[in-house]
Full PDB file with SEQRES, HELIX, SHEET, SSBOND, CRYST1, ORIGX, SCALE, CONECT and MASTER records, all heavy atoms in Angstrom:
SEQRES   1 A   32  ALA GLN THR VAL ARG ARG ASP ILE VAL PRO GLY VAL ARG          
SEQRES   2 A   32  SER GLY GLY ARG GLY VAL ARG GLN ASP TRP ALA THR LEU          
SEQRES   3 A   32  LEU PRO VAL HIS LEU LYS                                      
HELIX    1 AA1 LEU A   27  LEU A   31  1                                   5    
CRYST1    1.000    1.000    1.000  90.00  90.00  90.00 P 1           1          
ORIGX1      1.000000  0.000000  0.000000        0.00000                         
ORIGX2      0.000000  1.000000  0.000000        0.00000                         
ORIGX3      0.000000  0.000000  1.000000        0.00000                         
SCALE1      1.000000  0.000000  0.000000        0.00000                         
SCALE2      0.000000  1.000000  0.000000        0.00000                         
SCALE3      0.000000  0.000000  1.000000        0.00000                         
ATOM      1  N   ALA A   1       0.822  -1.213   0.000  1.00  0.00           N  
ATOM      2  CA  ALA A   1       0.000   0.000   0.000  1.00  0.00           C  
ATOM      3  C   ALA A   1       0.853   1.258   0.000  1.00  0.00           C  
ATOM      4  O   ALA A   1       0.462   2.282  -0.571  1.00  0.00           O  
ATOM      5  CB  ALA A   1      -0.933  -0.014   1.210  1.00  0.00           C  
ATOM      6  N   GLN A   2       2.019   1.216   0.627  1.00  0.00           N  
ATOM      7  CA  GLN A   2       2.883   2.404   0.665  1.00  0.00           C  
ATOM      8  C   GLN A   2       3.385   2.755  -0.728  1.00  0.00           C  
ATOM      9  O   GLN A   2       3.537   3.935  -1.064  1.00  0.00           O  
ATOM     10  CB  GLN A   2       4.065   2.160   1.618  1.00  0.00           C  
ATOM     11  CG  GLN A   2       3.699   2.101   3.083  1.00  0.00           C  
ATOM     12  CD  GLN A   2       3.112   0.760   3.495  1.00  0.00           C  
ATOM     13  OE1 GLN A   2       3.046  -0.185   2.703  1.00  0.00           O  
ATOM     14  NE2 GLN A   2       2.698   0.663   4.740  1.00  0.00           N  
ATOM     15  N   THR A   3       3.649   1.752  -1.542  1.00  0.00           N  
ATOM     16  CA  THR A   3       4.138   2.004  -2.895  1.00  0.00           C  
ATOM     17  C   THR A   3       3.119   2.795  -3.703  1.00  0.00           C  
ATOM     18  O   THR A   3       3.487   3.659  -4.516  1.00  0.00           O  
ATOM     19  CB  THR A   3       4.445   0.672  -3.604  1.00  0.00           C  
ATOM     20  OG1 THR A   3       5.487  -0.008  -2.893  1.00  0.00           O  
ATOM     21  CG2 THR A   3       4.869   0.894  -5.049  1.00  0.00           C  
ATOM     22  N   VAL A   4       1.832   2.521  -3.471  1.00  0.00           N  
ATOM     23  CA  VAL A   4       0.777   3.176  -4.255  1.00  0.00           C  
ATOM     24  C   VAL A   4       0.063   4.259  -3.440  1.00  0.00           C  
ATOM     25  O   VAL A   4      -1.075   4.623  -3.732  1.00  0.00           O  
ATOM     26  CB  VAL A   4      -0.222   2.140  -4.804  1.00  0.00           C  
ATOM     27  CG1 VAL A   4       0.489   1.206  -5.773  1.00  0.00           C  
ATOM     28  CG2 VAL A   4      -0.896   1.354  -3.692  1.00  0.00           C  
ATOM     29  N   ARG A   5       0.738   4.753  -2.393  1.00  0.00           N  
ATOM     30  CA  ARG A   5       0.288   5.920  -1.610  1.00  0.00           C  
ATOM     31  C   ARG A   5      -0.958   5.655  -0.776  1.00  0.00           C  
ATOM     32  O   ARG A   5      -1.608   6.591  -0.327  1.00  0.00           O  
ATOM     33  CB  ARG A   5       0.018   7.117  -2.530  1.00  0.00           C  
ATOM     34  CG  ARG A   5       1.175   7.530  -3.399  1.00  0.00           C  
ATOM     35  CD  ARG A   5       0.744   8.622  -4.366  1.00  0.00           C  
ATOM     36  NE  ARG A   5       1.823   9.028  -5.263  1.00  0.00           N  
ATOM     37  CZ  ARG A   5       1.639   9.675  -6.402  1.00  0.00           C  
ATOM     38  NH1 ARG A   5       0.397   9.988  -6.778  1.00  0.00           N  
ATOM     39  NH2 ARG A   5       2.648  10.017  -7.163  1.00  0.00           N  
ATOM     40  N   ARG A   6      -1.286   4.393  -0.538  1.00  0.00           N  
ATOM     41  CA  ARG A   6      -2.491   4.090   0.210  1.00  0.00           C  
ATOM     42  C   ARG A   6      -2.213   3.697   1.651  1.00  0.00           C  
ATOM     43  O   ARG A   6      -3.088   3.202   2.353  1.00  0.00           O  
ATOM     44  CB  ARG A   6      -3.296   2.997  -0.510  1.00  0.00           C  
ATOM     45  CG  ARG A   6      -3.906   3.467  -1.817  1.00  0.00           C  
ATOM     46  CD  ARG A   6      -4.924   4.558  -1.635  1.00  0.00           C  
ATOM     47  NE  ARG A   6      -6.068   4.087  -0.855  1.00  0.00           N  
ATOM     48  CZ  ARG A   6      -6.965   4.875  -0.276  1.00  0.00           C  
ATOM     49  NH1 ARG A   6      -6.854   6.186  -0.355  1.00  0.00           N  
ATOM     50  NH2 ARG A   6      -7.968   4.367   0.390  1.00  0.00           N  
ATOM     51  N   ASP A   7      -0.979   3.894   2.100  1.00  0.00           N  
ATOM     52  CA  ASP A   7      -0.635   3.913   3.514  1.00  0.00           C  
ATOM     53  C   ASP A   7       0.535   4.856   3.665  1.00  0.00           C  
ATOM     54  O   ASP A   7       1.227   5.171   2.699  1.00  0.00           O  
ATOM     55  CB  ASP A   7      -0.317   2.516   4.056  1.00  0.00           C  
ATOM     56  CG  ASP A   7      -0.581   2.394   5.553  1.00  0.00           C  
ATOM     57  OD1 ASP A   7      -0.864   3.438   6.192  1.00  0.00           O  
ATOM     58  OD2 ASP A   7      -0.500   1.287   6.093  1.00  0.00           O  
ATOM     59  N   ILE A   8       0.757   5.304   4.880  1.00  0.00           N  
ATOM     60  CA  ILE A   8       1.668   6.424   5.115  1.00  0.00           C  
ATOM     61  C   ILE A   8       3.114   6.067   4.806  1.00  0.00           C  
ATOM     62  O   ILE A   8       3.641   5.047   5.262  1.00  0.00           O  
ATOM     63  CB  ILE A   8       1.566   6.890   6.586  1.00  0.00           C  
ATOM     64  CG1 ILE A   8       0.173   7.448   6.875  1.00  0.00           C  
ATOM     65  CG2 ILE A   8       2.637   7.928   6.899  1.00  0.00           C  
ATOM     66  CD1 ILE A   8      -0.164   8.707   6.129  1.00  0.00           C  
ATOM     67  N   VAL A   9       3.751   6.916   3.990  1.00  0.00           N  
ATOM     68  CA  VAL A   9       5.204   6.942   3.852  1.00  0.00           C  
ATOM     69  C   VAL A   9       5.643   8.393   4.045  1.00  0.00           C  
ATOM     70  O   VAL A   9       4.982   9.312   3.561  1.00  0.00           O  
ATOM     71  CB  VAL A   9       5.685   6.401   2.491  1.00  0.00           C  
ATOM     72  CG1 VAL A   9       5.571   4.894   2.432  1.00  0.00           C  
ATOM     73  CG2 VAL A   9       4.935   7.042   1.350  1.00  0.00           C  
ATOM     74  N   PRO A  10       6.733   8.608   4.776  1.00  0.00           N  
ATOM     75  CA  PRO A  10       7.161   9.980   5.071  1.00  0.00           C  
ATOM     76  C   PRO A  10       7.448  10.781   3.812  1.00  0.00           C  
ATOM     77  O   PRO A  10       8.004  10.281   2.838  1.00  0.00           O  
ATOM     78  CB  PRO A  10       8.445   9.773   5.894  1.00  0.00           C  
ATOM     79  CG  PRO A  10       8.321   8.395   6.474  1.00  0.00           C  
ATOM     80  CD  PRO A  10       7.592   7.597   5.433  1.00  0.00           C  
ATOM     81  N   GLY A  11       7.023  12.028   3.821  1.00  0.00           N  
ATOM     82  CA  GLY A  11       7.346  12.952   2.747  1.00  0.00           C  
ATOM     83  C   GLY A  11       6.463  12.852   1.523  1.00  0.00           C  
ATOM     84  O   GLY A  11       6.712  13.534   0.523  1.00  0.00           O  
ATOM     85  N   VAL A  12       5.427  12.010   1.570  1.00  0.00           N  
ATOM     86  CA  VAL A  12       4.542  11.817   0.416  1.00  0.00           C  
ATOM     87  C   VAL A  12       3.099  11.933   0.901  1.00  0.00           C  
ATOM     88  O   VAL A  12       2.749  11.442   1.979  1.00  0.00           O  
ATOM     89  CB  VAL A  12       4.756  10.430  -0.225  1.00  0.00           C  
ATOM     90  CG1 VAL A  12       3.854  10.248  -1.431  1.00  0.00           C  
ATOM     91  CG2 VAL A  12       6.221  10.228  -0.597  1.00  0.00           C  
ATOM     92  N   ARG A  13       2.256  12.569   0.098  1.00  0.00           N  
ATOM     93  CA  ARG A  13       0.833  12.588   0.424  1.00  0.00           C  
ATOM     94  C   ARG A  13       0.299  11.169   0.256  1.00  0.00           C  
ATOM     95  O   ARG A  13       0.159  10.670  -0.855  1.00  0.00           O  
ATOM     96  CB  ARG A  13       0.080  13.555  -0.482  1.00  0.00           C  
ATOM     97  CG  ARG A  13      -1.399  13.668  -0.114  1.00  0.00           C  
ATOM     98  CD  ARG A  13      -2.165  14.504  -1.118  1.00  0.00           C  
ATOM     99  NE  ARG A  13      -3.599  14.488  -0.822  1.00  0.00           N  
ATOM    100  CZ  ARG A  13      -4.544  14.934  -1.636  1.00  0.00           C  
ATOM    101  NH1 ARG A  13      -4.201  15.462  -2.803  1.00  0.00           N  
ATOM    102  NH2 ARG A  13      -5.810  14.876  -1.295  1.00  0.00           N  
ATOM    103  N   SER A  14       0.040  10.540   1.360  1.00  0.00           N  
ATOM    104  CA  SER A  14      -0.293   9.116   1.323  1.00  0.00           C  
ATOM    105  C   SER A  14      -1.143   8.778   2.540  1.00  0.00           C  
ATOM    106  O   SER A  14      -1.372   9.594   3.416  1.00  0.00           O  
ATOM    107  CB  SER A  14       0.996   8.273   1.329  1.00  0.00           C  
ATOM    108  OG  SER A  14       1.835   8.655   2.424  1.00  0.00           O  
ATOM    109  N   GLY A  15      -1.631   7.534   2.572  1.00  0.00           N  
ATOM    110  CA  GLY A  15      -2.476   7.102   3.681  1.00  0.00           C  
ATOM    111  C   GLY A  15      -3.892   6.813   3.205  1.00  0.00           C  
ATOM    112  O   GLY A  15      -4.142   6.561   2.016  1.00  0.00           O  
ATOM    113  N   GLY A  16      -4.831   6.896   4.132  1.00  0.00           N  
ATOM    114  CA  GLY A  16      -6.215   6.580   3.814  1.00  0.00           C  
ATOM    115  C   GLY A  16      -6.838   7.481   2.775  1.00  0.00           C  
ATOM    116  O   GLY A  16      -7.843   7.114   2.151  1.00  0.00           O  
ATOM    117  N   ARG A  17      -6.261   8.670   2.561  1.00  0.00           N  
ATOM    118  CA  ARG A  17      -6.760   9.577   1.528  1.00  0.00           C  
ATOM    119  C   ARG A  17      -5.769   9.762   0.390  1.00  0.00           C  
ATOM    120  O   ARG A  17      -5.910  10.667  -0.431  1.00  0.00           O  
ATOM    121  CB  ARG A  17      -7.102  10.935   2.151  1.00  0.00           C  
ATOM    122  CG  ARG A  17      -8.224  10.843   3.189  1.00  0.00           C  
ATOM    123  CD  ARG A  17      -8.643  12.200   3.698  1.00  0.00           C  
ATOM    124  NE  ARG A  17      -9.735  12.082   4.660  1.00  0.00           N  
ATOM    125  CZ  ARG A  17     -10.334  13.116   5.257  1.00  0.00           C  
ATOM    126  NH1 ARG A  17      -9.951  14.353   4.962  1.00  0.00           N  
ATOM    127  NH2 ARG A  17     -11.310  12.920   6.119  1.00  0.00           N  
ATOM    128  N   GLY A  18      -4.779   8.894   0.336  1.00  0.00           N  
ATOM    129  CA  GLY A  18      -3.801   8.971  -0.738  1.00  0.00           C  
ATOM    130  C   GLY A  18      -4.398   8.593  -2.082  1.00  0.00           C  
ATOM    131  O   GLY A  18      -5.347   7.809  -2.160  1.00  0.00           O  
ATOM    132  N   VAL A  19      -3.859   9.140  -3.147  1.00  0.00           N  
ATOM    133  CA  VAL A  19      -4.343   8.888  -4.511  1.00  0.00           C  
ATOM    134  C   VAL A  19      -3.281   8.111  -5.264  1.00  0.00           C  
ATOM    135  O   VAL A  19      -2.131   8.551  -5.387  1.00  0.00           O  
ATOM    136  CB  VAL A  19      -4.667  10.210  -5.241  1.00  0.00           C  
ATOM    137  CG1 VAL A  19      -5.100   9.934  -6.676  1.00  0.00           C  
ATOM    138  CG2 VAL A  19      -5.739  10.980  -4.479  1.00  0.00           C  
ATOM    139  N   ARG A  20      -3.659   6.980  -5.802  1.00  0.00           N  
ATOM    140  CA  ARG A  20      -2.730   6.118  -6.524  1.00  0.00           C  
ATOM    141  C   ARG A  20      -2.185   6.790  -7.792  1.00  0.00           C  
ATOM    142  O   ARG A  20      -2.835   7.629  -8.391  1.00  0.00           O  
ATOM    143  CB  ARG A  20      -3.431   4.797  -6.912  1.00  0.00           C  
ATOM    144  CG  ARG A  20      -3.725   3.864  -5.765  1.00  0.00           C  
ATOM    145  CD  ARG A  20      -4.601   2.703  -6.199  1.00  0.00           C  
ATOM    146  NE  ARG A  20      -5.956   3.166  -6.503  1.00  0.00           N  
ATOM    147  CZ  ARG A  20      -6.546   3.015  -7.673  1.00  0.00           C  
ATOM    148  NH1 ARG A  20      -5.914   2.414  -8.666  1.00  0.00           N  
ATOM    149  NH2 ARG A  20      -7.777   3.454  -7.869  1.00  0.00           N  
ATOM    150  N   GLN A  21      -1.000   6.336  -8.193  1.00  0.00           N  
ATOM    151  CA  GLN A  21      -0.417   6.786  -9.445  1.00  0.00           C  
ATOM    152  C   GLN A  21      -1.197   6.193 -10.618  1.00  0.00           C  
ATOM    153  O   GLN A  21      -1.929   5.218 -10.481  1.00  0.00           O  
ATOM    154  CB  GLN A  21       1.053   6.351  -9.534  1.00  0.00           C  
ATOM    155  CG  GLN A  21       1.915   6.798  -8.357  1.00  0.00           C  
ATOM    156  CD  GLN A  21       1.961   5.788  -7.218  1.00  0.00           C  
ATOM    157  OE1 GLN A  21       0.977   5.112  -6.931  1.00  0.00           O  
ATOM    158  NE2 GLN A  21       3.109   5.706  -6.551  1.00  0.00           N  
ATOM    159  N   ASP A  22      -1.027   6.771 -11.796  1.00  0.00           N  
ATOM    160  CA  ASP A  22      -1.729   6.280 -12.987  1.00  0.00           C  
ATOM    161  C   ASP A  22      -1.424   4.812 -13.268  1.00  0.00           C  
ATOM    162  O   ASP A  22      -2.274   4.077 -13.775  1.00  0.00           O  
ATOM    163  CB  ASP A  22      -1.367   7.124 -14.209  1.00  0.00           C  
ATOM    164  CG  ASP A  22      -2.024   8.506 -14.178  1.00  0.00           C  
ATOM    165  OD1 ASP A  22      -2.921   8.707 -13.356  1.00  0.00           O  
ATOM    166  OD2 ASP A  22      -1.622   9.362 -14.987  1.00  0.00           O  
ATOM    167  N   TRP A  23      -0.195   4.384 -12.986  1.00  0.00           N  
ATOM    168  CA  TRP A  23       0.176   3.006 -13.292  1.00  0.00           C  
ATOM    169  C   TRP A  23      -0.355   2.011 -12.261  1.00  0.00           C  
ATOM    170  O   TRP A  23      -0.315   0.796 -12.495  1.00  0.00           O  
ATOM    171  CB  TRP A  23       1.699   2.858 -13.418  1.00  0.00           C  
ATOM    172  CG  TRP A  23       2.504   3.456 -12.288  1.00  0.00           C  
ATOM    173  CD1 TRP A  23       3.142   4.664 -12.288  1.00  0.00           C  
ATOM    174  CD2 TRP A  23       2.750   2.869 -11.000  1.00  0.00           C  
ATOM    175  NE1 TRP A  23       3.773   4.882 -11.090  1.00  0.00           N  
ATOM    176  CE2 TRP A  23       3.551   3.794 -10.278  1.00  0.00           C  
ATOM    177  CE3 TRP A  23       2.388   1.679 -10.382  1.00  0.00           C  
ATOM    178  CZ2 TRP A  23       3.993   3.553  -8.973  1.00  0.00           C  
ATOM    179  CZ3 TRP A  23       2.816   1.426  -9.078  1.00  0.00           C  
ATOM    180  CH2 TRP A  23       3.608   2.354  -8.394  1.00  0.00           C  
ATOM    181  N   ALA A  24      -0.859   2.489 -11.142  1.00  0.00           N  
ATOM    182  CA  ALA A  24      -1.310   1.603 -10.063  1.00  0.00           C  
ATOM    183  C   ALA A  24      -2.762   1.187 -10.290  1.00  0.00           C  
ATOM    184  O   ALA A  24      -3.674   1.550  -9.544  1.00  0.00           O  
ATOM    185  CB  ALA A  24      -1.133   2.284  -8.707  1.00  0.00           C  
ATOM    186  N   THR A  25      -2.990   0.447 -11.361  1.00  0.00           N  
ATOM    187  CA  THR A  25      -4.334   0.056 -11.750  1.00  0.00           C  
ATOM    188  C   THR A  25      -4.822  -1.132 -10.915  1.00  0.00           C  
ATOM    189  O   THR A  25      -4.027  -1.871 -10.333  1.00  0.00           O  
ATOM    190  CB  THR A  25      -4.365  -0.312 -13.237  1.00  0.00           C  
ATOM    191  OG1 THR A  25      -3.295  -1.225 -13.510  1.00  0.00           O  
ATOM    192  CG2 THR A  25      -4.194   0.923 -14.087  1.00  0.00           C  
ATOM    193  N   LEU A  26      -6.130  -1.306 -10.897  1.00  0.00           N  
ATOM    194  CA  LEU A  26      -6.730  -2.377 -10.118  1.00  0.00           C  
ATOM    195  C   LEU A  26      -6.897  -3.642 -10.960  1.00  0.00           C  
ATOM    196  O   LEU A  26      -6.861  -3.601 -12.189  1.00  0.00           O  
ATOM    197  CB  LEU A  26      -8.080  -1.937  -9.563  1.00  0.00           C  
ATOM    198  CG  LEU A  26      -8.092  -0.680  -8.683  1.00  0.00           C  
ATOM    199  CD1 LEU A  26      -9.468  -0.487  -8.066  1.00  0.00           C  
ATOM    200  CD2 LEU A  26      -7.016  -0.725  -7.607  1.00  0.00           C  
ATOM    201  N   LEU A  27      -7.122  -4.745 -10.290  1.00  0.00           N  
ATOM    202  CA  LEU A  27      -7.188  -6.053 -10.932  1.00  0.00           C  
ATOM    203  C   LEU A  27      -8.129  -6.112 -12.137  1.00  0.00           C  
ATOM    204  O   LEU A  27      -7.773  -6.721 -13.162  1.00  0.00           O  
ATOM    205  CB  LEU A  27      -7.573  -7.100  -9.881  1.00  0.00           C  
ATOM    206  CG  LEU A  27      -7.738  -8.539 -10.337  1.00  0.00           C  
ATOM    207  CD1 LEU A  27      -6.490  -9.038 -11.065  1.00  0.00           C  
ATOM    208  CD2 LEU A  27      -8.057  -9.427  -9.146  1.00  0.00           C  
ATOM    209  N   PRO A  28      -9.342  -5.532 -12.095  1.00  0.00           N  
ATOM    210  CA  PRO A  28     -10.205  -5.625 -13.283  1.00  0.00           C  
ATOM    211  C   PRO A  28      -9.586  -5.046 -14.543  1.00  0.00           C  
ATOM    212  O   PRO A  28      -9.892  -5.510 -15.653  1.00  0.00           O  
ATOM    213  CB  PRO A  28     -11.451  -4.831 -12.867  1.00  0.00           C  
ATOM    214  CG  PRO A  28     -11.494  -4.953 -11.383  1.00  0.00           C  
ATOM    215  CD  PRO A  28     -10.058  -4.909 -10.958  1.00  0.00           C  
ATOM    216  N   VAL A  29      -8.729  -4.062 -14.398  1.00  0.00           N  
ATOM    217  CA  VAL A  29      -8.074  -3.479 -15.570  1.00  0.00           C  
ATOM    218  C   VAL A  29      -7.136  -4.499 -16.213  1.00  0.00           C  
ATOM    219  O   VAL A  29      -6.984  -4.537 -17.446  1.00  0.00           O  
ATOM    220  CB  VAL A  29      -7.318  -2.192 -15.173  1.00  0.00           C  
ATOM    221  CG1 VAL A  29      -6.535  -1.634 -16.355  1.00  0.00           C  
ATOM    222  CG2 VAL A  29      -8.285  -1.155 -14.632  1.00  0.00           C  
ATOM    223  N   HIS A  30      -6.508  -5.329 -15.395  1.00  0.00           N  
ATOM    224  CA  HIS A  30      -5.652  -6.386 -15.932  1.00  0.00           C  
ATOM    225  C   HIS A  30      -6.477  -7.501 -16.580  1.00  0.00           C  
ATOM    226  O   HIS A  30      -6.027  -8.146 -17.524  1.00  0.00           O  
ATOM    227  CB  HIS A  30      -4.795  -6.982 -14.812  1.00  0.00           C  
ATOM    228  CG  HIS A  30      -3.895  -6.008 -14.132  1.00  0.00           C  
ATOM    229  ND1 HIS A  30      -2.711  -5.581 -14.686  1.00  0.00           N  
ATOM    230  CD2 HIS A  30      -3.997  -5.377 -12.937  1.00  0.00           C  
ATOM    231  CE1 HIS A  30      -2.121  -4.718 -13.859  1.00  0.00           C  
ATOM    232  NE2 HIS A  30      -2.890  -4.588 -12.791  1.00  0.00           N  
ATOM    233  N   LEU A  31      -7.666  -7.743 -16.061  1.00  0.00           N  
ATOM    234  CA  LEU A  31      -8.475  -8.863 -16.538  1.00  0.00           C  
ATOM    235  C   LEU A  31      -9.298  -8.536 -17.777  1.00  0.00           C  
ATOM    236  O   LEU A  31      -9.629  -9.423 -18.558  1.00  0.00           O  
ATOM    237  CB  LEU A  31      -9.411  -9.335 -15.421  1.00  0.00           C  
ATOM    238  CG  LEU A  31      -8.738  -9.930 -14.177  1.00  0.00           C  
ATOM    239  CD1 LEU A  31      -9.786 -10.281 -13.134  1.00  0.00           C  
ATOM    240  CD2 LEU A  31      -7.896 -11.151 -14.536  1.00  0.00           C  
ATOM    241  N   LYS A  32      -9.626  -7.280 -17.955  1.00  0.00           N  
ATOM    242  CA  LYS A  32     -10.511  -6.914 -19.065  1.00  0.00           C  
ATOM    243  C   LYS A  32      -9.945  -7.320 -20.426  1.00  0.00           C  
ATOM    244  O   LYS A  32     -10.684  -7.877 -21.263  1.00  0.00           O  
ATOM    245  CB  LYS A  32     -10.809  -5.409 -19.028  1.00  0.00           C  
ATOM    246  CG  LYS A  32     -11.956  -4.991 -19.942  1.00  0.00           C  
ATOM    247  CD  LYS A  32     -12.296  -3.529 -19.774  1.00  0.00           C  
ATOM    248  CE  LYS A  32     -12.910  -3.225 -18.421  1.00  0.00           C  
ATOM    249  NZ  LYS A  32     -14.286  -3.781 -18.268  1.00  0.00           N  
TER     250      LYS A  32                                                      
MASTER        0    0    0    1    0    0    0    6  249    1    0    3          
END                                                                             
């Protein structure tokens, strides 16, 4: 989760309100 900003890493807007990078797509995108 830290890699995709969805848990806290120092110096980056991240955590429960973090926004994933464009490349951090979800599983359905891989399956479609």
